[in-house]
């Protein structure tokens, strides 16, 4: 297991399919393509589940305040097709990254053992990473509560 990422570390690069927002039905992007701009990666467990929907819709509702602060991407291990349905159903204005091979969630250390009703399984920890224009991690929020996510983002991103 890689050492846990810290504020100030170089953000792990990735290549993934971005769906939604200015990326439409899907386009491959890399973190290095976004160099010079602040980037937010918010990791969430699964499209169209209760907590993830609350989180995504809160971001949608605060989009006018958030979009001018940087590039914001939701990241899950769901397929691009699943992302398309989630975006359409909830009118999400921001792109989602599809990570079915779990490369991004593993690189950022958010693919973790979880437990529900005594059963252990692997899944995505709801976490957010803010990355400055130089590619360094400027803020990390782990085990984010869906309803508190927008306030955390607004407090950790420059205006």
N, C-alpha and C. Protein backbone atom coordinates (compact mmCIF):
# COMPACT_ATOMS: atom_id res chain seq x y z
N UNK A 1 0.84 -1.19 0.00
CA UNK A 1 0.00 0.00 0.00
C UNK A 1 0.88 1.25 0.00
N UNK A 2 0.54 2.18 -0.86
CA UNK A 2 1.30 3.43 -0.96
C UNK A 2 1.07 4.27 0.30
N UNK A 3 2.03 5.16 0.55
CA UNK A 3 1.90 6.06 1.69
C UNK A 3 0.72 6.99 1.45
N UNK A 4 0.00 7.33 2.52
CA UNK A 4 -1.17 8.19 2.40
C UNK A 4 -0.78 9.57 1.91
N UNK A 5 -1.56 10.09 0.97
CA UNK A 5 -1.29 11.42 0.43
C UNK A 5 -1.52 12.49 1.49
N UNK A 6 -0.71 13.56 1.39
CA UNK A 6 -0.81 14.67 2.34
C UNK A 6 -0.88 15.98 1.56
N UNK A 7 -1.37 17.02 2.23
CA UNK A 7 -1.36 18.35 1.63
C UNK A 7 0.08 18.70 1.30
N UNK A 8 0.30 19.23 0.10
CA UNK A 8 1.63 19.58 -0.37
C UNK A 8 2.23 18.54 -1.30
N UNK A 9 1.72 17.31 -1.26
CA UNK A 9 2.21 16.26 -2.15
C UNK A 9 1.79 16.55 -3.60
N UNK A 10 2.57 16.03 -4.54
CA UNK A 10 2.16 16.07 -5.94
C UNK A 10 0.93 15.17 -6.11
N UNK A 11 -0.07 15.67 -6.79
CA UNK A 11 -1.28 14.87 -7.02
C UNK A 11 -0.97 13.79 -8.05
N UNK A 12 -1.38 12.55 -7.78
CA UNK A 12 -1.15 11.49 -8.77
C UNK A 12 -1.86 11.80 -10.09
N UNK A 13 -1.13 11.66 -11.18
CA UNK A 13 -1.74 11.87 -12.49
C UNK A 13 -2.65 10.68 -12.81
N UNK A 14 -3.54 10.88 -13.72
CA UNK A 14 -4.46 9.83 -14.15
C UNK A 14 -4.93 10.15 -15.55
N UNK A 15 -5.48 9.14 -16.20
CA UNK A 15 -6.19 9.31 -17.46
C UNK A 15 -7.51 8.57 -17.29
N UNK A 16 -8.61 9.25 -17.62
CA UNK A 16 -9.93 8.65 -17.44
C UNK A 16 -10.91 9.28 -18.41
N UNK A 17 -12.07 8.65 -18.55
CA UNK A 17 -13.14 9.21 -19.37
C UNK A 17 -13.96 10.16 -18.52
N UNK A 18 -14.06 11.41 -18.99
CA UNK A 18 -14.90 12.41 -18.35
C UNK A 18 -16.22 12.47 -19.10
N UNK A 19 -17.32 12.43 -18.37
CA UNK A 19 -18.67 12.45 -18.95
C UNK A 19 -19.41 13.63 -18.34
N UNK A 20 -20.12 14.38 -19.17
CA UNK A 20 -20.94 15.47 -18.67
C UNK A 20 -20.21 16.80 -18.69
N UNK A 21 -20.96 17.86 -18.35
CA UNK A 21 -20.39 19.20 -18.41
C UNK A 21 -19.87 19.47 -19.82
N UNK A 22 -18.72 20.11 -19.93
CA UNK A 22 -18.16 20.43 -21.26
C UNK A 22 -17.62 19.21 -21.98
N UNK A 23 -17.60 18.05 -21.32
CA UNK A 23 -17.08 16.82 -21.93
C UNK A 23 -18.18 15.99 -22.61
N UNK A 24 -19.43 16.43 -22.49
CA UNK A 24 -20.52 15.78 -23.19
C UNK A 24 -20.63 14.30 -22.91
N UNK A 25 -20.75 13.51 -23.98
CA UNK A 25 -20.96 12.06 -23.87
C UNK A 25 -19.69 11.32 -23.47
N UNK A 26 -18.58 12.03 -23.36
CA UNK A 26 -17.37 11.38 -22.90
C UNK A 26 -16.14 11.73 -23.70
N UNK A 27 -15.07 12.04 -22.98
CA UNK A 27 -13.79 12.34 -23.60
C UNK A 27 -12.70 11.97 -22.61
N UNK A 28 -11.63 11.41 -23.11
CA UNK A 28 -10.52 11.03 -22.24
C UNK A 28 -9.73 12.28 -21.85
N UNK A 29 -9.45 12.40 -20.55
CA UNK A 29 -8.63 13.51 -20.06
C UNK A 29 -7.61 12.96 -19.07
N UNK A 30 -6.58 13.76 -18.84
CA UNK A 30 -5.56 13.45 -17.84
C UNK A 30 -5.43 14.65 -16.91
N UNK A 31 -4.98 14.42 -15.70
CA UNK A 31 -4.76 15.53 -14.78
C UNK A 31 -3.76 16.52 -15.39
N UNK A 32 -2.74 16.01 -16.06
CA UNK A 32 -1.73 16.91 -16.65
C UNK A 32 -2.34 17.84 -17.70
N UNK A 33 -3.46 17.44 -18.32
CA UNK A 33 -4.15 18.31 -19.29
C UNK A 33 -4.72 19.56 -18.61
N UNK A 34 -4.92 19.49 -17.31
CA UNK A 34 -5.57 20.57 -16.56
C UNK A 34 -4.56 21.45 -15.83
N UNK A 35 -3.27 21.22 -16.08
CA UNK A 35 -2.21 21.96 -15.38
C UNK A 35 -2.44 23.46 -15.52
N UNK A 36 -2.23 24.18 -14.43
CA UNK A 36 -2.43 25.62 -14.43
C UNK A 36 -3.76 26.04 -13.86
N UNK A 37 -4.68 25.08 -13.71
CA UNK A 37 -6.01 25.37 -13.16
C UNK A 37 -6.19 24.61 -11.84
N UNK A 38 -6.89 25.21 -10.88
CA UNK A 38 -7.26 24.43 -9.69
C UNK A 38 -8.22 23.32 -10.11
N UNK A 39 -8.06 22.14 -9.49
CA UNK A 39 -8.90 20.98 -9.80
C UNK A 39 -9.40 20.39 -8.49
N UNK A 40 -10.65 19.98 -8.48
CA UNK A 40 -11.22 19.25 -7.34
C UNK A 40 -11.64 17.88 -7.82
N UNK A 41 -11.19 16.85 -7.12
CA UNK A 41 -11.65 15.48 -7.35
C UNK A 41 -12.46 15.08 -6.14
N UNK A 42 -13.76 14.88 -6.33
CA UNK A 42 -14.54 14.37 -5.20
C UNK A 42 -14.91 12.93 -5.52
N UNK A 43 -14.48 12.05 -4.64
CA UNK A 43 -14.69 10.61 -4.78
C UNK A 43 -15.96 10.22 -4.04
N UNK A 44 -16.79 9.44 -4.70
CA UNK A 44 -18.05 9.00 -4.09
C UNK A 44 -18.29 7.54 -4.44
N UNK A 45 -19.06 6.82 -3.58
CA UNK A 45 -19.21 5.37 -3.77
C UNK A 45 -19.95 4.90 -5.02
N UNK A 46 -21.15 5.48 -5.32
CA UNK A 46 -21.93 4.88 -6.40
C UNK A 46 -22.97 5.86 -6.92
N UNK A 47 -23.10 5.90 -8.26
CA UNK A 47 -24.12 6.73 -8.89
C UNK A 47 -25.51 6.39 -8.37
N UNK A 48 -26.31 7.45 -8.19
CA UNK A 48 -27.74 7.34 -7.92
C UNK A 48 -28.09 6.57 -6.65
N UNK A 49 -27.22 6.58 -5.66
CA UNK A 49 -27.55 6.05 -4.33
C UNK A 49 -27.89 7.25 -3.45
N UNK A 50 -28.58 7.04 -2.33
CA UNK A 50 -29.09 8.19 -1.56
C UNK A 50 -28.04 9.24 -1.19
N UNK A 51 -26.96 8.84 -0.53
CA UNK A 51 -25.94 9.81 -0.11
C UNK A 51 -25.25 10.48 -1.27
N UNK A 52 -24.96 9.71 -2.30
CA UNK A 52 -24.26 10.25 -3.47
C UNK A 52 -25.16 11.22 -4.23
N UNK A 53 -26.45 10.97 -4.25
CA UNK A 53 -27.39 11.87 -4.91
C UNK A 53 -27.50 13.17 -4.12
N UNK A 54 -27.58 13.09 -2.80
CA UNK A 54 -27.62 14.30 -1.95
C UNK A 54 -26.38 15.15 -2.23
N UNK A 55 -25.22 14.50 -2.25
CA UNK A 55 -23.96 15.20 -2.47
C UNK A 55 -23.92 15.85 -3.85
N UNK A 56 -24.26 15.12 -4.90
CA UNK A 56 -24.21 15.64 -6.27
C UNK A 56 -25.22 16.77 -6.46
N UNK A 57 -26.41 16.63 -5.91
CA UNK A 57 -27.43 17.67 -6.09
C UNK A 57 -27.07 18.94 -5.32
N UNK A 58 -26.41 18.81 -4.18
CA UNK A 58 -25.94 19.98 -3.44
C UNK A 58 -24.88 20.73 -4.26
N UNK A 59 -24.00 19.98 -4.92
CA UNK A 59 -23.01 20.61 -5.80
C UNK A 59 -23.70 21.30 -6.97
N UNK A 60 -24.68 20.63 -7.54
CA UNK A 60 -25.45 21.22 -8.64
C UNK A 60 -26.08 22.55 -8.20
N UNK A 61 -26.68 22.54 -7.01
CA UNK A 61 -27.38 23.73 -6.53
C UNK A 61 -26.44 24.88 -6.19
N UNK A 62 -25.18 24.57 -5.89
CA UNK A 62 -24.18 25.60 -5.57
C UNK A 62 -23.24 25.86 -6.75
N UNK A 63 -23.58 25.32 -7.92
CA UNK A 63 -22.68 25.36 -9.05
C UNK A 63 -22.24 26.78 -9.43
N UNK A 64 -23.13 27.75 -9.36
CA UNK A 64 -22.75 29.12 -9.75
C UNK A 64 -21.62 29.65 -8.88
N UNK A 65 -21.54 29.24 -7.62
CA UNK A 65 -20.44 29.65 -6.73
C UNK A 65 -19.20 28.80 -6.94
N UNK A 66 -19.38 27.55 -7.34
CA UNK A 66 -18.25 26.61 -7.43
C UNK A 66 -17.52 26.65 -8.77
N UNK A 67 -18.24 26.80 -9.87
CA UNK A 67 -17.62 26.63 -11.20
C UNK A 67 -16.52 27.63 -11.48
N UNK A 68 -16.59 28.81 -10.90
CA UNK A 68 -15.55 29.81 -11.15
C UNK A 68 -14.29 29.58 -10.32
N UNK A 69 -14.32 28.60 -9.42
CA UNK A 69 -13.17 28.34 -8.54
C UNK A 69 -12.24 27.25 -9.05
N UNK A 70 -12.62 26.57 -10.11
CA UNK A 70 -11.75 25.54 -10.65
C UNK A 70 -12.55 24.46 -11.35
N UNK A 71 -11.82 23.47 -11.84
CA UNK A 71 -12.44 22.32 -12.51
C UNK A 71 -12.85 21.32 -11.43
N UNK A 72 -14.12 20.93 -11.41
CA UNK A 72 -14.62 19.99 -10.40
C UNK A 72 -15.09 18.74 -11.10
N UNK A 73 -14.60 17.59 -10.60
CA UNK A 73 -14.95 16.29 -11.15
C UNK A 73 -15.40 15.36 -10.04
N UNK A 74 -16.54 14.70 -10.22
CA UNK A 74 -16.89 13.58 -9.38
C UNK A 74 -16.17 12.35 -9.92
N UNK A 75 -15.74 11.47 -9.03
CA UNK A 75 -15.03 10.26 -9.45
C UNK A 75 -15.64 9.05 -8.76
N UNK A 76 -16.03 8.06 -9.56
CA UNK A 76 -16.47 6.78 -8.99
C UNK A 76 -16.05 5.66 -9.92
N UNK A 77 -16.21 4.44 -9.46
CA UNK A 77 -15.84 3.28 -10.27
C UNK A 77 -16.96 2.87 -11.22
N UNK A 78 -18.03 3.66 -11.27
CA UNK A 78 -19.14 3.38 -12.19
C UNK A 78 -18.70 3.60 -13.64
N UNK A 79 -19.44 2.98 -14.55
CA UNK A 79 -19.15 3.11 -15.99
C UNK A 79 -19.57 4.49 -16.50
N UNK A 80 -19.05 4.85 -17.67
CA UNK A 80 -19.44 6.09 -18.32
C UNK A 80 -20.95 6.11 -18.59
N UNK A 81 -21.51 4.97 -18.98
CA UNK A 81 -22.95 4.87 -19.24
C UNK A 81 -23.76 5.16 -17.97
N UNK A 82 -23.32 4.62 -16.84
CA UNK A 82 -23.98 4.88 -15.55
C UNK A 82 -23.91 6.38 -15.23
N UNK A 83 -22.74 6.99 -15.47
CA UNK A 83 -22.58 8.43 -15.23
C UNK A 83 -23.55 9.24 -16.09
N UNK A 84 -23.70 8.85 -17.36
CA UNK A 84 -24.61 9.56 -18.26
C UNK A 84 -26.03 9.57 -17.69
N UNK A 85 -26.48 8.43 -17.20
CA UNK A 85 -27.85 8.32 -16.64
C UNK A 85 -27.99 9.16 -15.37
N UNK A 86 -26.97 9.12 -14.50
CA UNK A 86 -26.98 9.87 -13.25
C UNK A 86 -27.03 11.38 -13.54
N UNK A 87 -26.20 11.83 -14.47
CA UNK A 87 -26.16 13.24 -14.86
C UNK A 87 -27.50 13.67 -15.43
N UNK A 88 -28.07 12.88 -16.33
CA UNK A 88 -29.35 13.24 -16.96
C UNK A 88 -30.49 13.27 -15.94
N UNK A 89 -30.53 12.28 -15.08
CA UNK A 89 -31.63 12.18 -14.10
C UNK A 89 -31.64 13.36 -13.14
N UNK A 90 -30.45 13.83 -12.74
CA UNK A 90 -30.37 14.88 -11.72
C UNK A 90 -29.88 16.23 -12.26
N UNK A 91 -29.76 16.34 -13.60
CA UNK A 91 -29.38 17.60 -14.26
C UNK A 91 -28.07 18.15 -13.67
N UNK A 92 -27.06 17.30 -13.60
CA UNK A 92 -25.78 17.70 -13.03
C UNK A 92 -24.98 18.49 -14.07
N UNK A 93 -24.46 19.67 -13.70
CA UNK A 93 -23.74 20.51 -14.66
C UNK A 93 -22.24 20.25 -14.74
N UNK A 94 -21.74 19.36 -13.91
CA UNK A 94 -20.30 19.10 -13.84
C UNK A 94 -19.99 17.69 -14.32
N UNK A 95 -18.75 17.47 -14.76
CA UNK A 95 -18.37 16.16 -15.28
C UNK A 95 -18.06 15.14 -14.18
N UNK A 96 -18.25 13.88 -14.54
CA UNK A 96 -17.91 12.75 -13.69
C UNK A 96 -16.85 11.93 -14.41
N UNK A 97 -15.89 11.42 -13.65
CA UNK A 97 -14.84 10.57 -14.20
C UNK A 97 -15.17 9.12 -13.92
N UNK A 98 -15.05 8.29 -14.93
CA UNK A 98 -15.31 6.86 -14.81
C UNK A 98 -13.98 6.14 -14.53
N UNK A 99 -13.96 5.37 -13.43
CA UNK A 99 -12.73 4.68 -13.00
C UNK A 99 -13.00 3.20 -12.73
N UNK A 100 -13.54 2.47 -13.73
CA UNK A 100 -13.90 1.07 -13.47
C UNK A 100 -12.71 0.16 -13.17
N UNK A 101 -11.51 0.56 -13.60
CA UNK A 101 -10.32 -0.26 -13.30
C UNK A 101 -9.73 0.10 -11.94
N UNK A 102 -10.33 1.09 -11.28
CA UNK A 102 -9.95 1.50 -9.92
C UNK A 102 -8.55 2.08 -9.83
N UNK A 103 -8.05 2.62 -10.92
CA UNK A 103 -6.70 3.20 -10.91
C UNK A 103 -6.66 4.51 -10.12
N UNK A 104 -7.65 5.37 -10.30
CA UNK A 104 -7.65 6.67 -9.61
C UNK A 104 -7.94 6.48 -8.12
N UNK A 105 -8.96 5.68 -7.80
CA UNK A 105 -9.30 5.49 -6.38
C UNK A 105 -8.15 4.86 -5.61
N UNK A 106 -7.40 3.99 -6.25
CA UNK A 106 -6.25 3.38 -5.59
C UNK A 106 -5.10 4.38 -5.47
N UNK A 107 -4.84 5.16 -6.52
CA UNK A 107 -3.75 6.14 -6.48
C UNK A 107 -3.96 7.19 -5.39
N UNK A 108 -5.22 7.54 -5.14
CA UNK A 108 -5.53 8.54 -4.12
C UNK A 108 -5.83 7.92 -2.75
N UNK A 109 -5.75 6.61 -2.65
CA UNK A 109 -5.91 5.93 -1.37
C UNK A 109 -7.32 5.93 -0.81
N UNK A 110 -8.31 5.98 -1.71
CA UNK A 110 -9.70 6.00 -1.25
C UNK A 110 -10.45 4.69 -1.54
N UNK A 111 -9.75 3.68 -2.10
CA UNK A 111 -10.34 2.35 -2.27
C UNK A 111 -10.00 1.60 -1.00
N UNK A 112 -10.98 1.46 -0.11
CA UNK A 112 -10.72 0.99 1.25
C UNK A 112 -11.68 -0.13 1.64
N UNK A 113 -11.31 -0.81 2.71
CA UNK A 113 -12.21 -1.82 3.27
C UNK A 113 -13.30 -1.09 4.05
N UNK A 114 -14.53 -1.48 3.78
CA UNK A 114 -15.69 -0.90 4.45
C UNK A 114 -16.46 -2.03 5.13
N UNK A 115 -17.42 -1.65 5.94
CA UNK A 115 -18.22 -2.64 6.64
C UNK A 115 -19.67 -2.16 6.72
N UNK A 116 -20.59 -3.07 6.39
CA UNK A 116 -22.01 -2.76 6.53
C UNK A 116 -22.71 -4.00 7.07
N UNK A 117 -23.43 -3.81 8.14
CA UNK A 117 -24.14 -4.91 8.79
C UNK A 117 -23.20 -6.07 9.10
N UNK A 118 -21.98 -5.74 9.49
CA UNK A 118 -21.00 -6.75 9.87
C UNK A 118 -20.27 -7.41 8.71
N UNK A 119 -20.68 -7.07 7.48
CA UNK A 119 -20.03 -7.66 6.30
C UNK A 119 -18.97 -6.69 5.79
N UNK A 120 -17.77 -7.20 5.57
CA UNK A 120 -16.68 -6.37 5.06
C UNK A 120 -16.61 -6.48 3.54
N UNK A 121 -16.30 -5.36 2.90
CA UNK A 121 -16.19 -5.31 1.45
C UNK A 121 -15.29 -4.13 1.08
N UNK A 122 -14.83 -4.08 -0.16
CA UNK A 122 -14.02 -2.97 -0.64
C UNK A 122 -14.93 -1.96 -1.35
N UNK A 123 -14.64 -0.69 -1.11
CA UNK A 123 -15.43 0.36 -1.74
C UNK A 123 -14.72 1.70 -1.66
N UNK A 124 -15.34 2.70 -2.25
CA UNK A 124 -14.77 4.04 -2.29
C UNK A 124 -15.13 4.83 -1.05
N UNK A 125 -14.11 5.38 -0.39
CA UNK A 125 -14.33 6.29 0.73
C UNK A 125 -14.72 7.65 0.16
N UNK A 126 -15.77 8.24 0.70
CA UNK A 126 -16.23 9.55 0.24
C UNK A 126 -15.19 10.59 0.70
N UNK A 127 -14.38 11.04 -0.24
CA UNK A 127 -13.28 11.95 0.06
C UNK A 127 -13.12 12.98 -1.06
N UNK A 128 -12.52 14.11 -0.72
CA UNK A 128 -12.31 15.18 -1.69
C UNK A 128 -10.88 15.68 -1.62
N UNK A 129 -10.28 15.89 -2.80
CA UNK A 129 -8.93 16.41 -2.91
C UNK A 129 -8.98 17.68 -3.76
N UNK A 130 -8.46 18.78 -3.22
CA UNK A 130 -8.29 20.02 -3.99
C UNK A 130 -6.83 20.04 -4.44
N UNK A 131 -6.62 20.38 -5.71
CA UNK A 131 -5.29 20.37 -6.32
C UNK A 131 -5.06 21.76 -6.91
N UNK A 132 -3.94 22.36 -6.56
CA UNK A 132 -3.66 23.71 -7.07
C UNK A 132 -3.20 23.65 -8.53
N UNK A 133 -3.04 24.83 -9.14
CA UNK A 133 -2.67 24.90 -10.55
C UNK A 133 -1.30 24.31 -10.86
N UNK A 134 -0.47 24.14 -9.83
CA UNK A 134 0.84 23.54 -10.01
C UNK A 134 0.84 22.03 -9.85
N UNK A 135 -0.34 21.45 -9.61
CA UNK A 135 -0.44 19.99 -9.49
C UNK A 135 -0.17 19.45 -8.09
N UNK A 136 -0.19 20.33 -7.08
CA UNK A 136 0.03 19.90 -5.69
C UNK A 136 -1.30 19.87 -4.95
N UNK A 137 -1.43 18.93 -4.04
CA UNK A 137 -2.66 18.81 -3.24
C UNK A 137 -2.70 19.97 -2.24
N UNK A 138 -3.78 20.75 -2.29
CA UNK A 138 -3.91 21.91 -1.40
C UNK A 138 -4.89 21.67 -0.25
N UNK A 139 -5.75 20.68 -0.37
CA UNK A 139 -6.68 20.33 0.72
C UNK A 139 -7.15 18.90 0.53
N UNK A 140 -7.36 18.22 1.64
CA UNK A 140 -7.90 16.86 1.64
C UNK A 140 -9.01 16.80 2.68
N UNK A 141 -10.15 16.27 2.26
CA UNK A 141 -11.27 16.05 3.18
C UNK A 141 -11.65 14.58 3.07
N UNK A 142 -11.48 13.82 4.13
CA UNK A 142 -11.80 12.39 4.12
C UNK A 142 -13.10 12.15 4.88
N UNK A 143 -13.76 11.04 4.50
CA UNK A 143 -15.02 10.63 5.14
C UNK A 143 -16.01 11.79 5.20
N UNK A 144 -16.18 12.42 4.06
CA UNK A 144 -17.06 13.58 3.92
C UNK A 144 -18.51 13.17 4.13
N UNK A 145 -19.24 14.01 4.84
CA UNK A 145 -20.69 13.83 4.97
C UNK A 145 -21.33 14.52 3.75
N UNK A 146 -22.21 13.81 3.02
CA UNK A 146 -22.78 14.38 1.78
C UNK A 146 -23.36 15.78 1.96
N UNK A 147 -24.08 16.00 3.05
CA UNK A 147 -24.74 17.29 3.24
C UNK A 147 -23.77 18.41 3.64
N UNK A 148 -22.55 18.08 4.04
CA UNK A 148 -21.56 19.09 4.44
C UNK A 148 -20.53 19.37 3.35
N UNK A 149 -20.61 18.66 2.23
CA UNK A 149 -19.58 18.73 1.21
C UNK A 149 -19.42 20.11 0.58
N UNK A 150 -20.49 20.76 0.22
CA UNK A 150 -20.40 22.06 -0.45
C UNK A 150 -19.71 23.06 0.45
N UNK A 151 -20.06 23.12 1.72
CA UNK A 151 -19.42 24.06 2.64
C UNK A 151 -17.93 23.79 2.76
N UNK A 152 -17.54 22.50 2.80
CA UNK A 152 -16.11 22.15 2.83
C UNK A 152 -15.39 22.67 1.59
N UNK A 153 -16.01 22.48 0.44
CA UNK A 153 -15.40 22.94 -0.82
C UNK A 153 -15.27 24.46 -0.84
N UNK A 154 -16.31 25.15 -0.47
CA UNK A 154 -16.27 26.62 -0.50
C UNK A 154 -15.20 27.15 0.44
N UNK A 155 -14.99 26.46 1.56
CA UNK A 155 -13.97 26.93 2.52
C UNK A 155 -12.55 26.58 2.09
N UNK A 156 -12.37 25.60 1.20
CA UNK A 156 -11.02 25.19 0.84
C UNK A 156 -10.59 25.62 -0.56
N UNK A 157 -11.45 26.28 -1.30
CA UNK A 157 -11.10 26.75 -2.64
C UNK A 157 -11.02 28.26 -2.67
N UNK A 158 -9.98 28.81 -3.29
CA UNK A 158 -9.92 30.27 -3.39
C UNK A 158 -11.04 30.82 -4.27
N UNK A 159 -11.46 32.03 -3.96
CA UNK A 159 -12.54 32.64 -4.77
C UNK A 159 -12.02 33.20 -6.06
